Amino acid sequence: MRALMIRGTGISMESSASVLFASLILGKSVLVADMLPFINRFPEKPLIWNVSWKTLMYALVALFVHYLERLYDFWKDAPNLIAANHDLWAGINWSHFWAIQILLVTLIFNYCMIAELGRAFGQDRLKTIFFGPLPPRRD
């Protein structure tokens, strides 16, 4: 998303490897968070409770990872972590930062909603609802 947002501005994206690394960390953190006992906090309530709770939890993780990713970019040029954090707060384009967070929250919300629907309906029924009935097997 950052690469698309800075295209045409003359600013170069330093490394797609760092973006890939941060994406893998965020994806792994969601998988690990799914296994925590407090993440499925409202299983008996309407689905919006769990969807909202999980969206909040995953969005906080995404915010933290996104901030660390940006901090790492500044830390490469700073003498220490404190100076990098100061430079980050002084030099970050907050509009881009929050635009990416809004996009992430939207994607996370959709993921949580579909995952909760899958839990409520069952994976097979959700696939049938989404893709239609499977053709009969020919054995």
N, C-alpha and C. Protein backbone atom coordinates (compact mmCIF):
# COMPACT_ATOMS: atom_id res chain seq x y z
N MET A 1 0.83 -1.19 0.00
CA MET A 1 0.00 0.00 0.00
C MET A 1 0.87 1.25 0.00
N ARG A 2 1.95 1.17 0.78
CA ARG A 2 2.83 2.35 0.80
C ARG A 2 3.42 2.61 -0.57
N ALA A 3 3.79 1.54 -1.28
CA ALA A 3 4.39 1.71 -2.60
C ALA A 3 3.41 2.40 -3.55
N LEU A 4 2.14 2.01 -3.49
CA LEU A 4 1.14 2.65 -4.34
C LEU A 4 0.92 4.11 -3.95
N MET A 5 0.97 4.39 -2.66
CA MET A 5 0.70 5.75 -2.20
C MET A 5 1.83 6.71 -2.57
N ILE A 6 3.08 6.21 -2.66
CA ILE A 6 4.18 7.12 -2.97
C ILE A 6 4.56 7.11 -4.44
N ARG A 7 3.90 6.27 -5.25
CA ARG A 7 4.18 6.24 -6.67
C ARG A 7 3.88 7.61 -7.28
N GLY A 8 4.83 8.10 -8.05
CA GLY A 8 4.65 9.39 -8.72
C GLY A 8 5.06 10.58 -7.89
N THR A 9 5.52 10.35 -6.65
CA THR A 9 5.93 11.48 -5.81
C THR A 9 7.43 11.72 -5.86
N GLY A 10 8.18 10.79 -6.49
CA GLY A 10 9.63 10.92 -6.53
C GLY A 10 10.31 10.27 -5.35
N ILE A 11 9.55 9.76 -4.41
CA ILE A 11 10.10 9.06 -3.25
C ILE A 11 10.23 7.59 -3.62
N SER A 12 11.37 7.00 -3.33
CA SER A 12 11.55 5.59 -3.69
C SER A 12 11.26 4.69 -2.50
N MET A 13 10.76 3.54 -2.81
CA MET A 13 10.51 2.52 -1.80
C MET A 13 11.82 1.75 -1.65
N GLU A 14 12.39 1.76 -0.45
CA GLU A 14 13.72 1.20 -0.27
C GLU A 14 13.78 -0.30 -0.50
N SER A 15 12.86 -1.04 0.11
CA SER A 15 12.98 -2.48 0.02
C SER A 15 11.62 -3.14 0.14
N SER A 16 11.31 -3.93 -0.85
CA SER A 16 10.07 -4.68 -0.76
C SER A 16 10.24 -5.85 0.20
N ALA A 17 11.49 -6.22 0.49
CA ALA A 17 11.73 -7.30 1.45
C ALA A 17 11.27 -6.90 2.85
N SER A 18 11.48 -5.66 3.24
CA SER A 18 11.03 -5.24 4.57
C SER A 18 9.51 -5.22 4.65
N VAL A 19 8.85 -4.86 3.53
CA VAL A 19 7.40 -4.87 3.49
C VAL A 19 6.90 -6.32 3.60
N LEU A 20 7.54 -7.23 2.87
CA LEU A 20 7.18 -8.64 2.94
C LEU A 20 7.38 -9.18 4.35
N PHE A 21 8.48 -8.83 4.97
CA PHE A 21 8.79 -9.29 6.32
C PHE A 21 7.73 -8.81 7.32
N ALA A 22 7.36 -7.53 7.23
CA ALA A 22 6.34 -6.99 8.14
C ALA A 22 4.99 -7.65 7.89
N SER A 23 4.67 -7.92 6.64
CA SER A 23 3.40 -8.60 6.33
C SER A 23 3.37 -10.00 6.90
N LEU A 24 4.50 -10.70 6.81
CA LEU A 24 4.56 -12.05 7.36
C LEU A 24 4.44 -12.03 8.89
N ILE A 25 5.05 -11.04 9.52
CA ILE A 25 4.95 -10.92 10.98
C ILE A 25 3.51 -10.65 11.37
N LEU A 26 2.84 -9.73 10.67
CA LEU A 26 1.45 -9.42 10.98
C LEU A 26 0.56 -10.63 10.76
N GLY A 27 0.75 -11.34 9.65
CA GLY A 27 -0.03 -12.54 9.39
C GLY A 27 0.19 -13.61 10.45
N LYS A 28 1.43 -13.79 10.86
CA LYS A 28 1.75 -14.78 11.90
C LYS A 28 1.15 -14.35 13.24
N SER A 29 1.16 -13.06 13.52
CA SER A 29 0.60 -12.59 14.80
C SER A 29 -0.90 -12.83 14.85
N VAL A 30 -1.59 -12.72 13.72
CA VAL A 30 -3.02 -13.01 13.69
C VAL A 30 -3.25 -14.50 13.95
N LEU A 31 -2.44 -15.36 13.34
CA LEU A 31 -2.58 -16.80 13.56
C LEU A 31 -2.31 -17.18 15.02
N VAL A 32 -1.30 -16.57 15.61
CA VAL A 32 -0.99 -16.85 17.02
C VAL A 32 -2.10 -16.30 17.91
N ALA A 33 -2.58 -15.10 17.61
CA ALA A 33 -3.65 -14.50 18.42
C ALA A 33 -4.92 -15.34 18.36
N ASP A 34 -5.17 -15.98 17.22
CA ASP A 34 -6.35 -16.84 17.11
C ASP A 34 -6.32 -18.00 18.10
N MET A 35 -5.14 -18.39 18.53
CA MET A 35 -5.02 -19.52 19.46
C MET A 35 -5.12 -19.09 20.93
N LEU A 36 -5.07 -17.80 21.21
CA LEU A 36 -5.15 -17.32 22.58
C LEU A 36 -6.56 -17.49 23.12
N PRO A 37 -6.70 -17.87 24.39
CA PRO A 37 -8.03 -18.15 24.93
C PRO A 37 -8.94 -16.92 25.00
N PHE A 38 -8.40 -15.73 25.18
CA PHE A 38 -9.24 -14.54 25.34
C PHE A 38 -9.68 -13.95 24.00
N ILE A 39 -9.17 -14.45 22.88
CA ILE A 39 -9.51 -13.84 21.60
C ILE A 39 -10.94 -14.16 21.19
N ASN A 40 -11.44 -15.34 21.54
CA ASN A 40 -12.83 -15.72 21.24
C ASN A 40 -13.66 -15.41 22.48
N ARG A 41 -13.76 -14.15 22.81
CA ARG A 41 -14.31 -13.71 24.08
C ARG A 41 -15.82 -13.78 24.18
N PHE A 42 -16.52 -13.66 23.07
CA PHE A 42 -17.97 -13.59 23.09
C PHE A 42 -18.61 -14.64 22.18
N PRO A 43 -18.37 -15.92 22.40
CA PRO A 43 -18.89 -16.94 21.48
C PRO A 43 -20.41 -17.10 21.51
N GLU A 44 -21.06 -16.76 22.63
CA GLU A 44 -22.52 -16.96 22.73
C GLU A 44 -23.31 -15.71 22.33
N LYS A 45 -22.63 -14.60 22.15
CA LYS A 45 -23.32 -13.35 21.80
C LYS A 45 -23.45 -13.26 20.28
N PRO A 46 -24.22 -12.29 19.79
CA PRO A 46 -24.28 -12.10 18.34
C PRO A 46 -22.89 -11.91 17.74
N LEU A 47 -22.73 -12.27 16.49
CA LEU A 47 -21.41 -12.30 15.85
C LEU A 47 -20.70 -10.96 15.88
N ILE A 48 -21.43 -9.87 15.89
CA ILE A 48 -20.80 -8.55 15.86
C ILE A 48 -19.89 -8.33 17.08
N TRP A 49 -20.20 -8.96 18.20
CA TRP A 49 -19.37 -8.82 19.39
C TRP A 49 -17.97 -9.39 19.14
N ASN A 50 -17.91 -10.63 18.68
CA ASN A 50 -16.60 -11.24 18.41
C ASN A 50 -15.90 -10.55 17.24
N VAL A 51 -16.65 -10.17 16.21
CA VAL A 51 -16.05 -9.49 15.07
C VAL A 51 -15.43 -8.17 15.53
N SER A 52 -16.16 -7.41 16.33
CA SER A 52 -15.63 -6.12 16.82
C SER A 52 -14.43 -6.32 17.73
N TRP A 53 -14.53 -7.28 18.65
CA TRP A 53 -13.44 -7.54 19.59
C TRP A 53 -12.17 -7.97 18.84
N LYS A 54 -12.33 -8.93 17.92
CA LYS A 54 -11.17 -9.42 17.18
C LYS A 54 -10.60 -8.33 16.27
N THR A 55 -11.47 -7.54 15.65
CA THR A 55 -10.98 -6.44 14.82
C THR A 55 -10.15 -5.47 15.65
N LEU A 56 -10.63 -5.15 16.84
CA LEU A 56 -9.88 -4.26 17.73
C LEU A 56 -8.53 -4.86 18.10
N MET A 57 -8.51 -6.13 18.49
CA MET A 57 -7.26 -6.77 18.90
C MET A 57 -6.27 -6.83 17.73
N TYR A 58 -6.74 -7.28 16.58
CA TYR A 58 -5.86 -7.39 15.42
C TYR A 58 -5.42 -6.02 14.92
N ALA A 59 -6.30 -5.03 15.00
CA ALA A 59 -5.94 -3.68 14.57
C ALA A 59 -4.86 -3.09 15.47
N LEU A 60 -4.94 -3.38 16.78
CA LEU A 60 -3.88 -2.91 17.68
C LEU A 60 -2.55 -3.56 17.36
N VAL A 61 -2.58 -4.86 17.05
CA VAL A 61 -1.36 -5.55 16.64
C VAL A 61 -0.84 -4.94 15.33
N ALA A 62 -1.74 -4.70 14.39
CA ALA A 62 -1.34 -4.11 13.11
C ALA A 62 -0.74 -2.72 13.30
N LEU A 63 -1.34 -1.93 14.18
CA LEU A 63 -0.82 -0.59 14.48
C LEU A 63 0.59 -0.69 15.05
N PHE A 64 0.78 -1.61 15.97
CA PHE A 64 2.09 -1.80 16.60
C PHE A 64 3.12 -2.25 15.58
N VAL A 65 2.78 -3.23 14.75
CA VAL A 65 3.71 -3.73 13.73
C VAL A 65 4.01 -2.64 12.70
N HIS A 66 2.98 -1.90 12.29
CA HIS A 66 3.18 -0.83 11.32
C HIS A 66 4.09 0.25 11.90
N TYR A 67 3.89 0.59 13.16
CA TYR A 67 4.75 1.58 13.80
C TYR A 67 6.19 1.09 13.88
N LEU A 68 6.36 -0.19 14.27
CA LEU A 68 7.71 -0.75 14.34
C LEU A 68 8.38 -0.79 12.97
N GLU A 69 7.59 -1.07 11.95
CA GLU A 69 8.13 -1.07 10.59
C GLU A 69 8.65 0.31 10.21
N ARG A 70 7.88 1.33 10.51
CA ARG A 70 8.32 2.70 10.22
C ARG A 70 9.50 3.10 11.10
N LEU A 71 9.48 2.66 12.36
CA LEU A 71 10.59 2.95 13.27
C LEU A 71 11.88 2.32 12.76
N TYR A 72 11.77 1.11 12.24
CA TYR A 72 12.95 0.43 11.69
C TYR A 72 13.53 1.23 10.52
N ASP A 73 12.66 1.77 9.66
CA ASP A 73 13.13 2.59 8.54
C ASP A 73 13.94 3.79 9.03
N PHE A 74 13.50 4.42 10.11
CA PHE A 74 14.21 5.58 10.66
C PHE A 74 15.45 5.15 11.44
N TRP A 75 15.41 3.97 12.05
CA TRP A 75 16.52 3.49 12.88
C TRP A 75 17.75 3.20 12.03
N LYS A 76 17.57 2.86 10.76
CA LYS A 76 18.71 2.57 9.89
C LYS A 76 19.61 3.79 9.73
N ASP A 77 19.04 5.00 9.83
CA ASP A 77 19.81 6.23 9.64
C ASP A 77 20.12 6.95 10.94
N ALA A 78 19.60 6.47 12.07
CA ALA A 78 19.78 7.16 13.35
C ALA A 78 20.85 6.45 14.18
N PRO A 79 21.49 7.17 15.11
CA PRO A 79 22.53 6.55 15.93
C PRO A 79 21.98 5.56 16.97
N ASN A 80 20.73 5.75 17.41
CA ASN A 80 20.15 4.83 18.38
C ASN A 80 18.63 4.83 18.25
N LEU A 81 18.00 3.97 19.04
CA LEU A 81 16.55 3.80 18.94
C LEU A 81 15.78 5.05 19.39
N ILE A 82 16.26 5.71 20.43
CA ILE A 82 15.58 6.92 20.92
C ILE A 82 15.63 8.02 19.87
N ALA A 83 16.77 8.20 19.24
CA ALA A 83 16.89 9.21 18.18
C ALA A 83 16.01 8.83 16.99
N ALA A 84 15.95 7.54 16.67
CA ALA A 84 15.10 7.09 15.56
C ALA A 84 13.63 7.37 15.86
N ASN A 85 13.21 7.12 17.10
CA ASN A 85 11.83 7.39 17.48
C ASN A 85 11.52 8.88 17.39
N HIS A 86 12.46 9.71 17.83
CA HIS A 86 12.28 11.17 17.73
C HIS A 86 12.18 11.59 16.26
N ASP A 87 13.07 11.07 15.42
CA ASP A 87 13.03 11.39 14.00
C ASP A 87 11.73 10.92 13.36
N LEU A 88 11.25 9.76 13.80
CA LEU A 88 9.99 9.23 13.27
C LEU A 88 8.84 10.17 13.60
N TRP A 89 8.75 10.59 14.85
CA TRP A 89 7.66 11.49 15.25
C TRP A 89 7.76 12.83 14.53
N ALA A 90 8.99 13.26 14.23
CA ALA A 90 9.17 14.55 13.58
C ALA A 90 9.00 14.47 12.06
N GLY A 91 9.33 13.31 11.47
CA GLY A 91 9.38 13.26 10.02
C GLY A 91 8.37 12.38 9.32
N ILE A 92 7.53 11.67 10.05
CA ILE A 92 6.60 10.76 9.40
C ILE A 92 5.47 11.54 8.74
N ASN A 93 5.00 11.02 7.64
CA ASN A 93 3.81 11.58 7.00
C ASN A 93 2.62 10.90 7.64
N TRP A 94 2.01 11.57 8.60
CA TRP A 94 0.94 10.97 9.39
C TRP A 94 -0.30 10.67 8.55
N SER A 95 -0.52 11.45 7.50
CA SER A 95 -1.67 11.18 6.63
C SER A 95 -1.53 9.80 5.98
N HIS A 96 -0.35 9.50 5.48
CA HIS A 96 -0.12 8.18 4.87
C HIS A 96 -0.18 7.08 5.93
N PHE A 97 0.40 7.33 7.09
CA PHE A 97 0.39 6.33 8.15
C PHE A 97 -1.05 5.96 8.52
N TRP A 98 -1.89 6.96 8.75
CA TRP A 98 -3.28 6.68 9.15
C TRP A 98 -4.11 6.15 8.00
N ALA A 99 -3.79 6.54 6.77
CA ALA A 99 -4.51 5.98 5.61
C ALA A 99 -4.26 4.48 5.52
N ILE A 100 -3.03 4.08 5.74
CA ILE A 100 -2.70 2.65 5.72
C ILE A 100 -3.40 1.94 6.87
N GLN A 101 -3.44 2.56 8.04
CA GLN A 101 -4.13 1.95 9.18
C GLN A 101 -5.63 1.77 8.89
N ILE A 102 -6.24 2.76 8.26
CA ILE A 102 -7.67 2.65 7.91
C ILE A 102 -7.89 1.50 6.94
N LEU A 103 -7.02 1.37 5.96
CA LEU A 103 -7.13 0.24 5.02
C LEU A 103 -6.94 -1.09 5.74
N LEU A 104 -5.97 -1.15 6.64
CA LEU A 104 -5.74 -2.39 7.40
C LEU A 104 -6.94 -2.75 8.27
N VAL A 105 -7.51 -1.77 8.94
CA VAL A 105 -8.68 -2.04 9.79
C VAL A 105 -9.84 -2.55 8.93
N THR A 106 -10.02 -1.98 7.75
CA THR A 106 -11.07 -2.44 6.86
C THR A 106 -10.84 -3.89 6.45
N LEU A 107 -9.62 -4.22 6.07
CA LEU A 107 -9.30 -5.60 5.69
C LEU A 107 -9.42 -6.54 6.88
N ILE A 108 -8.96 -6.12 8.04
CA ILE A 108 -9.05 -6.95 9.24
C ILE A 108 -10.51 -7.19 9.61
N PHE A 109 -11.34 -6.16 9.53
CA PHE A 109 -12.76 -6.32 9.82
C PHE A 109 -13.39 -7.36 8.90
N ASN A 110 -13.09 -7.27 7.61
CA ASN A 110 -13.63 -8.23 6.65
C ASN A 110 -13.15 -9.65 6.96
N TYR A 111 -11.88 -9.78 7.30
CA TYR A 111 -11.34 -11.10 7.67
C TYR A 111 -12.08 -11.65 8.88
N CYS A 112 -12.24 -10.83 9.91
CA CYS A 112 -12.91 -11.27 11.14
C CYS A 112 -14.37 -11.63 10.88
N MET A 113 -15.04 -10.85 10.05
CA MET A 113 -16.43 -11.13 9.75
C MET A 113 -16.58 -12.47 9.03
N ILE A 114 -15.74 -12.71 8.04
CA ILE A 114 -15.83 -13.97 7.29
C ILE A 114 -15.43 -15.14 8.18
N ALA A 115 -14.41 -14.96 9.02
CA ALA A 115 -14.00 -16.04 9.93
C ALA A 115 -15.11 -16.38 10.91
N GLU A 116 -15.79 -15.37 11.44
CA GLU A 116 -16.90 -15.63 12.37
C GLU A 116 -18.09 -16.27 11.68
N LEU A 117 -18.36 -15.85 10.45
CA LEU A 117 -19.43 -16.51 9.70
C LEU A 117 -19.08 -17.97 9.45
N GLY A 118 -17.82 -18.24 9.16
CA GLY A 118 -17.37 -19.62 8.97
C GLY A 118 -17.51 -20.43 10.25
N ARG A 119 -17.23 -19.80 11.38
CA ARG A 119 -17.39 -20.50 12.66
C ARG A 119 -18.86 -20.76 12.96
N ALA A 120 -19.73 -19.80 12.65
CA ALA A 120 -21.15 -19.93 12.96
C ALA A 120 -21.86 -20.90 12.01
N PHE A 121 -21.57 -20.80 10.72
CA PHE A 121 -22.26 -21.64 9.74
C PHE A 121 -21.56 -22.97 9.50
N GLY A 122 -20.26 -23.00 9.77
CA GLY A 122 -19.44 -24.15 9.39
C GLY A 122 -18.76 -23.84 8.06
N GLN A 123 -17.53 -24.33 7.90
CA GLN A 123 -16.75 -24.01 6.71
C GLN A 123 -17.42 -24.51 5.43
N ASP A 124 -17.97 -25.74 5.48
CA ASP A 124 -18.59 -26.30 4.27
C ASP A 124 -19.82 -25.50 3.85
N ARG A 125 -20.65 -25.14 4.80
CA ARG A 125 -21.86 -24.38 4.47
C ARG A 125 -21.50 -22.99 3.95
N LEU A 126 -20.48 -22.37 4.54
CA LEU A 126 -20.05 -21.06 4.07
C LEU A 126 -19.53 -21.15 2.64
N LYS A 127 -18.77 -22.20 2.33
CA LYS A 127 -18.30 -22.38 0.95
C LYS A 127 -19.48 -22.55 0.01
N THR A 128 -20.48 -23.31 0.43
CA THR A 128 -21.66 -23.52 -0.40
C THR A 128 -22.42 -22.21 -0.60
N ILE A 129 -22.57 -21.43 0.46
CA ILE A 129 -23.25 -20.14 0.35
C ILE A 129 -22.49 -19.21 -0.60
N PHE A 130 -21.18 -19.22 -0.49
CA PHE A 130 -20.36 -18.30 -1.27
C PHE A 130 -20.18 -18.76 -2.71
N PHE A 131 -19.83 -20.03 -2.92
CA PHE A 131 -19.52 -20.54 -4.25
C PHE A 131 -20.65 -21.32 -4.91
N GLY A 132 -21.66 -21.64 -4.16
CA GLY A 132 -22.74 -22.45 -4.69
C GLY A 132 -22.49 -23.93 -4.38
N PRO A 133 -23.48 -24.78 -4.69
CA PRO A 133 -23.29 -26.20 -4.39
C PRO A 133 -22.19 -26.80 -5.25
N LEU A 134 -21.49 -27.74 -4.66
CA LEU A 134 -20.43 -28.44 -5.40
C LEU A 134 -21.07 -29.41 -6.38
N PRO A 135 -20.44 -29.59 -7.54
CA PRO A 135 -20.99 -30.58 -8.47
C PRO A 135 -20.86 -31.98 -7.89
N PRO A 136 -21.78 -32.88 -8.27
CA PRO A 136 -21.70 -34.24 -7.73
C PRO A 136 -20.42 -34.94 -8.15
N ARG A 137 -19.91 -35.77 -7.27
CA ARG A 137 -18.67 -36.51 -7.54
C ARG A 137 -18.95 -37.63 -8.54
N ARG A 138 -18.01 -37.86 -9.39
CA ARG A 138 -18.07 -38.98 -10.32
C ARG A 138 -16.99 -39.97 -9.96
N ASP A 139 -17.34 -40.97 -9.23
CA ASP A 139 -16.35 -41.97 -8.81
C ASP A 139 -16.43 -43.20 -9.65
